[in-house]
N, C-alpha and C. Protein backbone atom coordinates (compact mmCIF):
# COMPACT_ATOMS: atom_id res chain seq x y z
N MET A 1 -7.15 -9.90 -47.41
CA MET A 1 -6.16 -10.28 -46.18
C MET A 1 -5.58 -9.01 -45.59
N PHE A 2 -4.89 -7.89 -46.61
CA PHE A 2 -4.43 -6.61 -45.86
C PHE A 2 -5.19 -6.17 -45.05
N LEU A 3 -6.36 -5.93 -45.35
CA LEU A 3 -7.56 -5.17 -44.57
C LEU A 3 -7.72 -6.19 -43.28
N LEU A 4 -7.62 -7.41 -43.16
CA LEU A 4 -8.06 -8.42 -41.86
C LEU A 4 -6.43 -7.75 -41.14
N LEU A 5 -5.34 -7.95 -41.35
CA LEU A 5 -4.12 -7.61 -41.01
C LEU A 5 -4.11 -6.24 -40.02
N LEU A 6 -4.84 -5.13 -41.12
CA LEU A 6 -4.81 -3.98 -40.24
C LEU A 6 -5.86 -3.96 -39.25
N LEU A 7 -6.87 -4.12 -39.26
CA LEU A 7 -8.01 -4.61 -38.40
C LEU A 7 -7.21 -5.09 -37.12
N VAL A 8 -6.58 -6.29 -36.98
CA VAL A 8 -6.03 -6.65 -36.13
C VAL A 8 -5.13 -6.08 -35.62
N LEU A 9 -4.34 -5.10 -36.22
CA LEU A 9 -3.24 -4.60 -35.63
C LEU A 9 -3.56 -3.26 -34.84
N ILE A 10 -4.70 -2.72 -35.63
CA ILE A 10 -5.76 -1.37 -34.81
C ILE A 10 -6.25 -1.98 -33.39
N PHE A 11 -6.80 -3.60 -33.54
CA PHE A 11 -7.32 -3.49 -32.38
C PHE A 11 -6.40 -4.04 -30.95
N VAL A 12 -5.14 -4.67 -31.73
CA VAL A 12 -4.30 -4.89 -30.78
C VAL A 12 -3.50 -3.54 -30.26
N GLY A 13 -3.30 -2.63 -31.03
CA GLY A 13 -2.96 -1.44 -30.49
C GLY A 13 -3.49 -0.68 -29.64
N TRP A 14 -5.11 -0.69 -29.92
CA TRP A 14 -6.18 -0.10 -29.07
C TRP A 14 -6.09 -1.14 -27.81
N GLY A 15 -5.95 -2.08 -27.62
CA GLY A 15 -5.82 -2.86 -26.15
C GLY A 15 -4.44 -2.46 -25.52
N ILE A 16 -3.49 -2.05 -25.86
CA ILE A 16 -2.23 -1.86 -25.60
C ILE A 16 -2.63 -0.20 -25.12
N VAL A 17 -3.05 0.70 -25.75
CA VAL A 17 -3.13 1.85 -25.32
C VAL A 17 -4.40 1.76 -23.76
N GLU A 18 -5.35 1.18 -24.09
CA GLU A 18 -6.22 0.62 -22.80
C GLU A 18 -5.69 0.31 -21.60
N TYR A 19 -4.65 -0.37 -21.96
CA TYR A 19 -3.86 -1.36 -20.96
C TYR A 19 -3.11 -0.04 -20.22
N GLN A 20 -2.46 0.43 -20.77
CA GLN A 20 -1.43 1.52 -20.32
C GLN A 20 -2.42 2.73 -19.39
N LEU A 21 -3.30 3.00 -19.97
CA LEU A 21 -4.21 4.01 -19.42
C LEU A 21 -4.96 3.28 -18.18
N HIS A 22 -5.18 2.28 -18.28
CA HIS A 22 -5.67 1.28 -16.81
C HIS A 22 -4.57 1.33 -15.94
N LEU A 23 -3.31 1.34 -16.23
CA LEU A 23 -2.33 1.00 -15.16
C LEU A 23 -1.81 2.57 -14.79
N ARG A 24 -2.11 3.49 -15.48
CA ARG A 24 -1.78 4.66 -14.92
C ARG A 24 -2.76 5.38 -14.03
N ASN A 25 -4.18 5.01 -14.40
CA ASN A 25 -5.29 5.08 -13.63
C ASN A 25 -5.12 4.39 -12.17
N LEU A 26 -4.62 3.40 -12.29
CA LEU A 26 -4.41 2.61 -10.89
C LEU A 26 -3.29 3.28 -10.12
N ARG A 27 -2.14 3.66 -10.64
CA ARG A 27 -1.29 4.39 -10.01
C ARG A 27 -1.68 5.44 -8.98
N THR A 28 -2.64 6.34 -9.50
CA THR A 28 -3.62 7.39 -8.67
C THR A 28 -3.79 6.83 -7.24
N ILE A 29 -4.33 5.89 -7.42
CA ILE A 29 -4.91 5.30 -6.22
C ILE A 29 -3.83 4.86 -5.14
N PRO A 30 -3.68 5.39 -4.18
CA PRO A 30 -2.47 5.27 -3.02
C PRO A 30 -2.52 3.60 -2.64
N ILE A 31 -3.68 3.65 -2.16
CA ILE A 31 -3.89 2.13 -1.44
C ILE A 31 -5.23 1.55 -1.85
N ARG A 32 -4.90 0.22 -2.50
CA ARG A 32 -5.89 -0.56 -2.66
C ARG A 32 -6.12 -1.45 -2.08
N VAL A 33 -7.22 -2.48 -1.58
CA VAL A 33 -7.71 -3.37 -0.76
C VAL A 33 -8.56 -3.87 -1.94
N GLN A 34 -8.34 -5.08 -1.90
CA GLN A 34 -8.94 -6.32 -2.61
C GLN A 34 -9.73 -7.45 -1.61
N VAL A 35 -11.10 -7.45 -1.34
CA VAL A 35 -11.55 -8.41 -0.64
C VAL A 35 -12.09 -9.64 -1.51
N ASN A 36 -11.74 -10.82 -1.29
CA ASN A 36 -12.33 -11.88 -2.10
C ASN A 36 -12.69 -13.37 -0.88
N GLY A 37 -13.37 -14.42 -1.68
CA GLY A 37 -13.67 -15.28 -0.97
C GLY A 37 -14.76 -15.88 -1.13
N THR A 38 -15.77 -16.75 -0.39
CA THR A 38 -16.96 -17.24 -0.72
C THR A 38 -18.19 -16.59 -0.18
N ARG A 39 -18.25 -16.48 0.86
CA ARG A 39 -19.07 -15.69 1.62
C ARG A 39 -18.80 -14.65 2.52
N GLY A 40 -19.49 -13.30 2.71
CA GLY A 40 -19.17 -12.32 3.71
C GLY A 40 -18.23 -10.93 3.10
N LYS A 41 -18.38 -11.06 1.97
CA LYS A 41 -17.21 -10.06 1.32
C LYS A 41 -18.11 -8.73 1.29
N SER A 42 -19.18 -8.69 1.08
CA SER A 42 -19.82 -7.28 1.39
C SER A 42 -19.87 -6.48 2.51
N SER A 43 -19.85 -7.38 3.63
CA SER A 43 -20.10 -6.95 5.09
C SER A 43 -18.38 -6.47 5.59
N VAL A 44 -17.32 -7.65 4.69
CA VAL A 44 -16.19 -7.35 5.29
C VAL A 44 -15.61 -5.82 4.77
N THR A 45 -16.09 -5.78 3.36
CA THR A 45 -15.72 -4.44 2.41
C THR A 45 -16.40 -3.17 3.12
N ARG A 46 -17.49 -3.46 3.59
CA ARG A 46 -18.16 -2.16 4.74
C ARG A 46 -17.24 -1.99 6.16
N LEU A 47 -16.85 -3.41 6.51
CA LEU A 47 -16.26 -2.85 7.75
C LEU A 47 -14.72 -2.29 7.49
N ILE A 48 -14.10 -2.99 6.56
CA ILE A 48 -12.82 -2.22 6.01
C ILE A 48 -13.12 -0.64 5.58
N ALA A 49 -13.88 -0.51 5.04
CA ALA A 49 -14.18 0.90 4.52
C ALA A 49 -14.12 1.72 5.98
N ALA A 50 -15.10 1.49 6.79
CA ALA A 50 -15.65 2.33 8.00
C ALA A 50 -14.50 2.59 8.69
N GLY A 51 -13.34 0.92 8.88
CA GLY A 51 -12.36 1.71 9.70
C GLY A 51 -11.34 2.38 9.12
N LEU A 52 -11.17 2.30 7.38
CA LEU A 52 -10.04 3.16 7.06
C LEU A 52 -10.81 4.79 7.16
N ARG A 53 -12.01 5.08 7.03
CA ARG A 53 -12.35 6.12 7.20
C ARG A 53 -12.57 6.60 8.58
N ALA A 54 -12.64 5.76 9.73
CA ALA A 54 -12.43 6.22 11.07
C ALA A 54 -10.92 6.72 11.09
N GLY A 55 -10.04 6.01 10.40
CA GLY A 55 -8.60 6.22 10.54
C GLY A 55 -8.09 7.53 9.47
N GLY A 56 -9.13 8.22 8.91
CA GLY A 56 -8.60 9.66 8.32
C GLY A 56 -8.38 9.55 6.62
N TYR A 57 -8.39 8.27 6.29
CA TYR A 57 -8.58 8.20 4.83
C TYR A 57 -9.81 8.62 4.25
N ARG A 58 -9.60 8.87 2.58
CA ARG A 58 -11.00 8.91 2.15
C ARG A 58 -11.12 7.61 1.18
N VAL A 59 -12.15 7.30 1.54
CA VAL A 59 -12.44 5.88 0.93
C VAL A 59 -13.56 5.75 0.20
N VAL A 60 -13.28 4.92 -0.94
CA VAL A 60 -14.30 4.60 -1.97
C VAL A 60 -14.63 2.90 -1.91
N ALA A 61 -16.01 2.45 -1.54
CA ALA A 61 -15.79 1.11 -1.61
C ALA A 61 -16.95 0.92 -2.32
N LYS A 62 -16.86 -0.51 -3.37
CA LYS A 62 -17.67 -1.01 -3.96
C LYS A 62 -18.30 -2.43 -3.62
N VAL A 63 -19.49 -2.83 -3.18
CA VAL A 63 -19.87 -4.23 -2.80
C VAL A 63 -21.28 -4.19 -4.08
N THR A 64 -20.81 -5.83 -4.07
CA THR A 64 -21.52 -6.30 -5.69
C THR A 64 -22.45 -7.39 -4.75
N GLY A 65 -23.22 -7.44 -3.99
CA GLY A 65 -23.96 -8.41 -3.37
C GLY A 65 -25.36 -8.40 -3.97
N THR A 66 -26.27 -8.83 -2.91
CA THR A 66 -27.88 -8.64 -3.49
C THR A 66 -28.00 -7.28 -4.17
N LYS A 67 -27.75 -6.28 -3.41
CA LYS A 67 -28.14 -4.75 -3.80
C LYS A 67 -26.11 -4.12 -4.21
N PRO A 68 -25.91 -4.27 -5.51
CA PRO A 68 -24.55 -3.63 -5.44
C PRO A 68 -24.37 -2.00 -5.58
N ARG A 69 -23.72 -1.66 -4.55
CA ARG A 69 -23.47 -0.19 -4.22
C ARG A 69 -22.03 0.58 -4.41
N PHE A 70 -21.92 1.70 -4.52
CA PHE A 70 -20.99 2.22 -4.34
C PHE A 70 -21.07 3.08 -2.78
N ILE A 71 -19.90 2.73 -1.91
CA ILE A 71 -20.13 3.59 -0.65
C ILE A 71 -19.08 4.55 -0.85
N ILE A 72 -19.33 6.02 -0.95
CA ILE A 72 -18.58 7.34 -0.89
C ILE A 72 -18.06 7.78 0.36
N GLY A 73 -18.93 8.01 1.33
CA GLY A 73 -18.61 8.45 2.76
C GLY A 73 -19.40 7.88 3.75
N ASP A 74 -19.76 8.31 4.97
CA ASP A 74 -20.28 7.82 6.04
C ASP A 74 -21.97 7.36 5.34
N ASP A 75 -22.52 8.30 4.66
CA ASP A 75 -23.91 8.20 4.35
C ASP A 75 -24.12 8.28 3.04
N GLU A 76 -23.25 8.32 2.39
CA GLU A 76 -23.60 8.22 0.64
C GLU A 76 -23.29 6.89 0.28
N GLU A 77 -24.51 6.43 -0.48
CA GLU A 77 -24.34 5.31 -0.96
C GLU A 77 -24.86 5.56 -2.69
N TYR A 78 -24.57 4.77 -3.26
CA TYR A 78 -25.14 5.27 -4.69
C TYR A 78 -25.38 3.72 -5.63
N PRO A 79 -26.43 3.55 -6.05
CA PRO A 79 -26.40 1.83 -6.77
C PRO A 79 -25.68 1.89 -8.08
N VAL A 80 -25.20 0.61 -7.99
CA VAL A 80 -24.27 0.37 -9.42
C VAL A 80 -25.44 -0.33 -10.48
N ARG A 81 -25.22 0.45 -11.68
CA ARG A 81 -25.82 0.17 -12.74
C ARG A 81 -25.31 -1.34 -13.40
N ARG A 82 -26.26 -2.24 -13.41
CA ARG A 82 -25.79 -3.39 -14.31
C ARG A 82 -26.35 -3.39 -15.53
N LEU A 83 -25.53 -3.82 -16.46
CA LEU A 83 -26.31 -3.65 -17.99
C LEU A 83 -26.68 -4.82 -17.94
N GLY A 84 -27.83 -4.79 -18.64
CA GLY A 84 -28.71 -5.96 -19.02
C GLY A 84 -29.67 -6.39 -17.95
N LYS A 85 -29.84 -5.38 -16.91
CA LYS A 85 -31.06 -6.00 -15.91
C LYS A 85 -31.57 -4.54 -15.71
């Protein structure tokens, strides 16, 4: 019983630490834009990223449509590796 309690406490503590690190990482990103909906998210994401780049912002975009990609610059796209595929 003691071992189970210890494992649960370690697991919960690990979750709290991971959550705090996640929040710290989010604070380093000054502007975040989330695109949601049923259709056209990849196109809208690409358009928003292009508009922000044209406005002088450094932009990283991620689209997860048919071909998931990270879009880093005007001509830099990298495939997103999905586990299990």
